[in-house]
Amino acid sequence: MRVLGIDPGLRATGWAVIDVADNRLRAVADGVVRSDERLSLAQRLAQLHEGVAAVIREHAPGEAAIEETFVNANPRSTLKLGQARGAVLLAPALAGLPVAEYAPNLVKKSLVGTGHAAKQQIDAMVRMLLPGCLAASPDAADALAVAICHAHHRATARRLVEAAS
């Protein structure tokens, strides 16, 4: 199964594609979709949506996972992040992909074992679990973490269904 992980942001949205076969993970590609801060909010959201849609067309994932919105102290920033997340979330939905959503603390806990892990710990674990991955930026590393989290939780959910039947 090919999984697209997304770390949404208005300035930079990290994305990552991994292949999952049983308990084996392989990095395929990762990067960042950026929006032009000189444009209107609507145009920036369109840039993010089209950028993620292009990744989907190029890498043909079967499922997607996205990080839930982290609530900031600044409500205006949180609202803008939510709008960016919505624009990005629309791309896999329109492509017909099932989309899973994960809280930031669950992503961290799934990789490092604690929900309050530092970015350096996440990056180190991503590189350990996906040897040779590029993790071109912190946003891309976060997207890889979201994809890995989904791979782990997806497998558990599948096993529970199999055990019940």
C-alpha atoms as a PDB file:
ATOM      1  CA  MET A   1       0.000   0.000   0.000  1.00  0.00           C
ATOM      2  CA  ARG A   2       1.272   3.458  -0.852  1.00  0.00           C
ATOM      3  CA  VAL A   3       0.523   6.126   1.781  1.00  0.00           C
ATOM      4  CA  LEU A   4       0.623   9.902   1.479  1.00  0.00           C
ATOM      5  CA  GLY A   5       1.427  11.734   4.717  1.00  0.00           C
ATOM      6  CA  ILE A   6       0.617  15.440   4.997  1.00  0.00           C
ATOM      7  CA  ASP A   7       1.757  18.044   7.520  1.00  0.00           C
ATOM      8  CA  PRO A   8      -0.440  21.058   6.676  1.00  0.00           C
ATOM      9  CA  GLY A   9       0.704  24.651   6.923  1.00  0.00           C
ATOM     10  CA  LEU A  10      -0.179  27.893   5.173  1.00  0.00           C
ATOM     11  CA  ARG A  11       3.398  28.845   4.283  1.00  0.00           C
ATOM     12  CA  ALA A  12       4.682  25.316   3.822  1.00  0.00           C
ATOM     13  CA  THR A  13       2.823  22.019   3.663  1.00  0.00           C
ATOM     14  CA  GLY A  14       5.043  18.984   4.084  1.00  0.00           C
ATOM     15  CA  TRP A  15       4.224  15.841   2.136  1.00  0.00           C
ATOM     16  CA  ALA A  16       5.681  12.354   2.046  1.00  0.00           C
ATOM     17  CA  VAL A  17       4.941   9.141   0.214  1.00  0.00           C
ATOM     18  CA  ILE A  18       5.895   5.759   1.666  1.00  0.00           C
ATOM     19  CA  ASP A  19       5.267   2.188   0.609  1.00  0.00           C
ATOM     20  CA  VAL A  20       3.955  -0.168   3.284  1.00  0.00           C
ATOM     21  CA  ALA A  21       4.258  -3.951   2.918  1.00  0.00           C
ATOM     22  CA  ASP A  22       3.335  -5.846   6.086  1.00  0.00           C
ATOM     23  CA  ASN A  23       5.612  -4.262   8.704  1.00  0.00           C
ATOM     24  CA  ARG A  24       8.171  -2.989   6.176  1.00  0.00           C
ATOM     25  CA  LEU A  25       8.272   0.697   5.283  1.00  0.00           C
ATOM     26  CA  ARG A  26      10.076   2.301   2.355  1.00  0.00           C
ATOM     27  CA  ALA A  27      10.377   6.004   1.629  1.00  0.00           C
ATOM     28  CA  VAL A  28       9.346   6.908  -1.915  1.00  0.00           C
ATOM     29  CA  ALA A  29       9.479  10.716  -1.973  1.00  0.00           C
ATOM     30  CA  ASP A  30       8.979  13.763   0.208  1.00  0.00           C
ATOM     31  CA  GLY A  31       8.914  17.502  -0.150  1.00  0.00           C
ATOM     32  CA  VAL A  32       7.131  20.732   0.568  1.00  0.00           C
ATOM     33  CA  VAL A  33       4.380  22.648  -1.190  1.00  0.00           C
ATOM     34  CA  ARG A  34       4.853  26.365  -0.558  1.00  0.00           C
ATOM     35  CA  SER A  35       2.427  29.223  -0.972  1.00  0.00           C
ATOM     36  CA  ASP A  36       3.410  32.710  -2.084  1.00  0.00           C
ATOM     37  CA  GLU A  37       2.919  35.113   0.838  1.00  0.00           C
ATOM     38  CA  ARG A  38       2.367  38.011  -1.596  1.00  0.00           C
ATOM     39  CA  LEU A  39      -0.866  36.462  -2.863  1.00  0.00           C
ATOM     40  CA  SER A  40      -4.336  36.621  -1.340  1.00  0.00           C
ATOM     41  CA  LEU A  41      -5.366  33.937   1.118  1.00  0.00           C
ATOM     42  CA  ALA A  42      -7.650  32.343  -1.476  1.00  0.00           C
ATOM     43  CA  GLN A  43      -4.834  32.152  -4.031  1.00  0.00           C
ATOM     44  CA  ARG A  44      -2.461  30.690  -1.453  1.00  0.00           C
ATOM     45  CA  LEU A  45      -4.992  28.011  -0.528  1.00  0.00           C
ATOM     46  CA  ALA A  46      -5.392  27.194  -4.220  1.00  0.00           C
ATOM     47  CA  GLN A  47      -1.595  26.820  -4.522  1.00  0.00           C
ATOM     48  CA  LEU A  48      -1.523  24.374  -1.613  1.00  0.00           C
ATOM     49  CA  HIS A  49      -4.442  22.364  -2.950  1.00  0.00           C
ATOM     50  CA  GLU A  50      -2.970  22.130  -6.452  1.00  0.00           C
ATOM     51  CA  GLY A  51       0.469  21.229  -5.079  1.00  0.00           C
ATOM     52  CA  VAL A  52      -0.900  18.293  -3.087  1.00  0.00           C
ATOM     53  CA  ALA A  53      -3.092  17.243  -6.027  1.00  0.00           C
ATOM     54  CA  ALA A  54       0.042  17.161  -8.211  1.00  0.00           C
ATOM     55  CA  VAL A  55       1.802  14.920  -5.673  1.00  0.00           C
ATOM     56  CA  ILE A  56      -1.193  12.566  -5.744  1.00  0.00           C
ATOM     57  CA  ARG A  57      -1.174  12.453  -9.547  1.00  0.00           C
ATOM     58  CA  GLU A  58       2.568  11.771  -9.639  1.00  0.00           C
ATOM     59  CA  HIS A  59       2.840   9.138  -6.886  1.00  0.00           C
ATOM     60  CA  ALA A  60      -0.630   7.491  -6.937  1.00  0.00           C
ATOM     61  CA  PRO A  61      -1.074   6.745  -3.218  1.00  0.00           C
ATOM     62  CA  GLY A  62      -3.876   4.445  -2.116  1.00  0.00           C
ATOM     63  CA  GLU A  63      -4.483   6.182   1.215  1.00  0.00           C
ATOM     64  CA  ALA A  64      -3.689   9.506   2.848  1.00  0.00           C
ATOM     65  CA  ALA A  65      -3.064  10.652   6.403  1.00  0.00           C
ATOM     66  CA  ILE A  66      -3.034  14.220   7.653  1.00  0.00           C
ATOM     67  CA  GLU A  67      -2.085  15.805  10.930  1.00  0.00           C
ATOM     68  CA  GLU A  68      -4.902  17.493  12.821  1.00  0.00           C
ATOM     69  CA  THR A  69      -4.727  21.199  13.563  1.00  0.00           C
ATOM     70  CA  PHE A  70      -2.584  22.186  16.497  1.00  0.00           C
ATOM     71  CA  VAL A  71      -4.328  24.971  18.420  1.00  0.00           C
ATOM     72  CA  ASN A  72      -2.044  27.969  18.837  1.00  0.00           C
ATOM     73  CA  ALA A  73      -2.315  30.738  21.413  1.00  0.00           C
ATOM     74  CA  ASN A  74      -3.130  33.067  18.516  1.00  0.00           C
ATOM     75  CA  PRO A  75      -6.665  32.320  17.256  1.00  0.00           C
ATOM     76  CA  ARG A  76      -5.995  34.084  13.944  1.00  0.00           C
ATOM     77  CA  SER A  77      -3.043  31.785  13.217  1.00  0.00           C
ATOM     78  CA  THR A  78      -5.091  28.736  14.198  1.00  0.00           C
ATOM     79  CA  LEU A  79      -7.872  29.777  11.833  1.00  0.00           C
ATOM     80  CA  LYS A  80      -5.446  30.252   8.932  1.00  0.00           C
ATOM     81  CA  LEU A  81      -3.880  26.862   9.635  1.00  0.00           C
ATOM     82  CA  GLY A  82      -7.350  25.319   9.661  1.00  0.00           C
ATOM     83  CA  GLN A  83      -8.108  26.882   6.294  1.00  0.00           C
ATOM     84  CA  ALA A  84      -4.833  25.565   4.859  1.00  0.00           C
ATOM     85  CA  ARG A  85      -5.599  22.143   6.297  1.00  0.00           C
ATOM     86  CA  GLY A  86      -9.029  22.188   4.652  1.00  0.00           C
ATOM     87  CA  ALA A  87      -7.590  23.092   1.244  1.00  0.00           C
ATOM     88  CA  VAL A  88      -4.972  20.354   1.536  1.00  0.00           C
ATOM     89  CA  LEU A  89      -7.468  17.789   2.889  1.00  0.00           C
ATOM     90  CA  LEU A  90      -9.674  18.359  -0.140  1.00  0.00           C
ATOM     91  CA  ALA A  91      -7.028  17.066  -2.603  1.00  0.00           C
ATOM     92  CA  PRO A  92      -6.987  13.408  -1.480  1.00  0.00           C
ATOM     93  CA  ALA A  93     -10.738  13.458  -0.844  1.00  0.00           C
ATOM     94  CA  LEU A  94     -11.416  14.589  -4.424  1.00  0.00           C
ATOM     95  CA  ALA A  95      -9.007  11.925  -5.676  1.00  0.00           C
ATOM     96  CA  GLY A  96     -11.160   9.299  -3.930  1.00  0.00           C
ATOM     97  CA  LEU A  97      -8.566   8.370  -1.316  1.00  0.00           C
ATOM     98  CA  PRO A  98      -9.524   7.356   2.209  1.00  0.00           C
ATOM     99  CA  VAL A  99      -8.088   9.968   4.571  1.00  0.00           C
ATOM    100  CA  ALA A 100      -7.090   9.314   8.187  1.00  0.00           C
ATOM    101  CA  GLU A 101      -6.498  12.130  10.638  1.00  0.00           C
ATOM    102  CA  TYR A 102      -4.081  12.020  13.565  1.00  0.00           C
ATOM    103  CA  ALA A 103      -3.493  14.364  16.489  1.00  0.00           C
ATOM    104  CA  PRO A 104       0.060  15.761  16.674  1.00  0.00           C
ATOM    105  CA  ASN A 105       0.636  14.087  20.055  1.00  0.00           C
ATOM    106  CA  LEU A 106      -0.440  10.696  18.668  1.00  0.00           C
ATOM    107  CA  VAL A 107       1.983  11.043  15.746  1.00  0.00           C
ATOM    108  CA  LYS A 108       4.831  11.798  18.161  1.00  0.00           C
ATOM    109  CA  LYS A 109       3.842   9.012  20.536  1.00  0.00           C
ATOM    110  CA  SER A 110       3.617   6.512  17.665  1.00  0.00           C
ATOM    111  CA  LEU A 111       7.181   7.239  16.593  1.00  0.00           C
ATOM    112  CA  VAL A 112       9.047   8.169  19.756  1.00  0.00           C
ATOM    113  CA  GLY A 113       6.897   6.805  22.577  1.00  0.00           C
ATOM    114  CA  THR A 114       5.988  10.172  24.053  1.00  0.00           C
ATOM    115  CA  GLY A 115       3.457  12.737  22.877  1.00  0.00           C
ATOM    116  CA  HIS A 116       5.736  15.640  23.689  1.00  0.00           C
ATOM    117  CA  ALA A 117       8.803  14.621  21.684  1.00  0.00           C
ATOM    118  CA  ALA A 118      11.088  17.299  20.269  1.00  0.00           C
ATOM    119  CA  LYS A 119      11.421  17.820  16.513  1.00  0.00           C
ATOM    120  CA  GLN A 120      14.957  16.393  16.646  1.00  0.00           C
ATOM    121  CA  GLN A 121      13.640  13.164  18.178  1.00  0.00           C
ATOM    122  CA  ILE A 122      10.982  12.844  15.469  1.00  0.00           C
ATOM    123  CA  ASP A 123      13.551  13.484  12.738  1.00  0.00           C
ATOM    124  CA  ALA A 124      15.946  10.894  14.199  1.00  0.00           C
ATOM    125  CA  MET A 125      13.198   8.255  14.456  1.00  0.00           C
ATOM    126  CA  VAL A 126      11.989   8.949  10.910  1.00  0.00           C
ATOM    127  CA  ARG A 127      15.535   8.428   9.616  1.00  0.00           C
ATOM    128  CA  MET A 128      15.881   5.235  11.659  1.00  0.00           C
ATOM    129  CA  LEU A 129      12.581   3.776  10.409  1.00  0.00           C
ATOM    130  CA  LEU A 130      13.137   4.909   6.809  1.00  0.00           C
ATOM    131  CA  PRO A 131      16.851   4.538   6.061  1.00  0.00           C
ATOM    132  CA  GLY A 132      17.907   6.627   3.094  1.00  0.00           C
ATOM    133  CA  CYS A 133      14.881   8.937   3.185  1.00  0.00           C
ATOM    134  CA  LEU A 134      15.554  12.501   2.125  1.00  0.00           C
ATOM    135  CA  ALA A 135      13.462  14.339   4.722  1.00  0.00           C
ATOM    136  CA  ALA A 136      14.236  17.477   2.731  1.00  0.00           C
ATOM    137  CA  SER A 137      12.921  19.814   5.447  1.00  0.00           C
ATOM    138  CA  PRO A 138      11.359  19.709   8.917  1.00  0.00           C
ATOM    139  CA  ASP A 139       7.912  19.899   7.264  1.00  0.00           C
ATOM    140  CA  ALA A 140       8.731  16.902   5.065  1.00  0.00           C
ATOM    141  CA  ALA A 141      10.068  14.989   8.106  1.00  0.00           C
ATOM    142  CA  ASP A 142       6.799  15.710   9.922  1.00  0.00           C
ATOM    143  CA  ALA A 143       4.854  14.420   6.902  1.00  0.00           C
ATOM    144  CA  LEU A 144       6.983  11.246   6.932  1.00  0.00           C
ATOM    145  CA  ALA A 145       6.103  10.876  10.624  1.00  0.00           C
ATOM    146  CA  VAL A 146       2.380  11.189   9.824  1.00  0.00           C
ATOM    147  CA  ALA A 147       2.704   8.525   7.106  1.00  0.00           C
ATOM    148  CA  ILE A 148       4.571   6.183   9.481  1.00  0.00           C
ATOM    149  CA  CYS A 149       1.955   6.757  12.194  1.00  0.00           C
ATOM    150  CA  HIS A 150      -0.769   5.829   9.713  1.00  0.00           C
ATOM    151  CA  ALA A 151       1.120   2.710   8.624  1.00  0.00           C
ATOM    152  CA  HIS A 152       1.326   1.547  12.244  1.00  0.00           C
ATOM    153  CA  HIS A 153      -2.293   2.336  13.135  1.00  0.00           C
ATOM    154  CA  ARG A 154      -3.638   1.040   9.835  1.00  0.00           C
ATOM    155  CA  ALA A 155      -2.004  -2.334  10.433  1.00  0.00           C
ATOM    156  CA  THR A 156      -3.428  -2.552  13.946  1.00  0.00           C
ATOM    157  CA  ALA A 157      -6.939  -1.700  12.743  1.00  0.00           C
ATOM    158  CA  ARG A 158      -6.655  -4.345  10.007  1.00  0.00           C
ATOM    159  CA  ARG A 159      -5.537  -6.993  12.520  1.00  0.00           C
ATOM    160  CA  LEU A 160      -8.465  -6.188  14.818  1.00  0.00           C
ATOM    161  CA  VAL A 161     -10.910  -6.618  11.944  1.00  0.00           C
ATOM    162  CA  GLU A 162      -9.274  -9.919  10.951  1.00  0.00           C
ATOM    163  CA  ALA A 163      -9.387 -11.177  14.556  1.00  0.00           C
ATOM    164  CA  ALA A 164     -13.067 -10.281  14.884  1.00  0.00           C
ATOM    165  CA  SER A 165     -14.051 -12.204  11.744  1.00  0.00           C
END
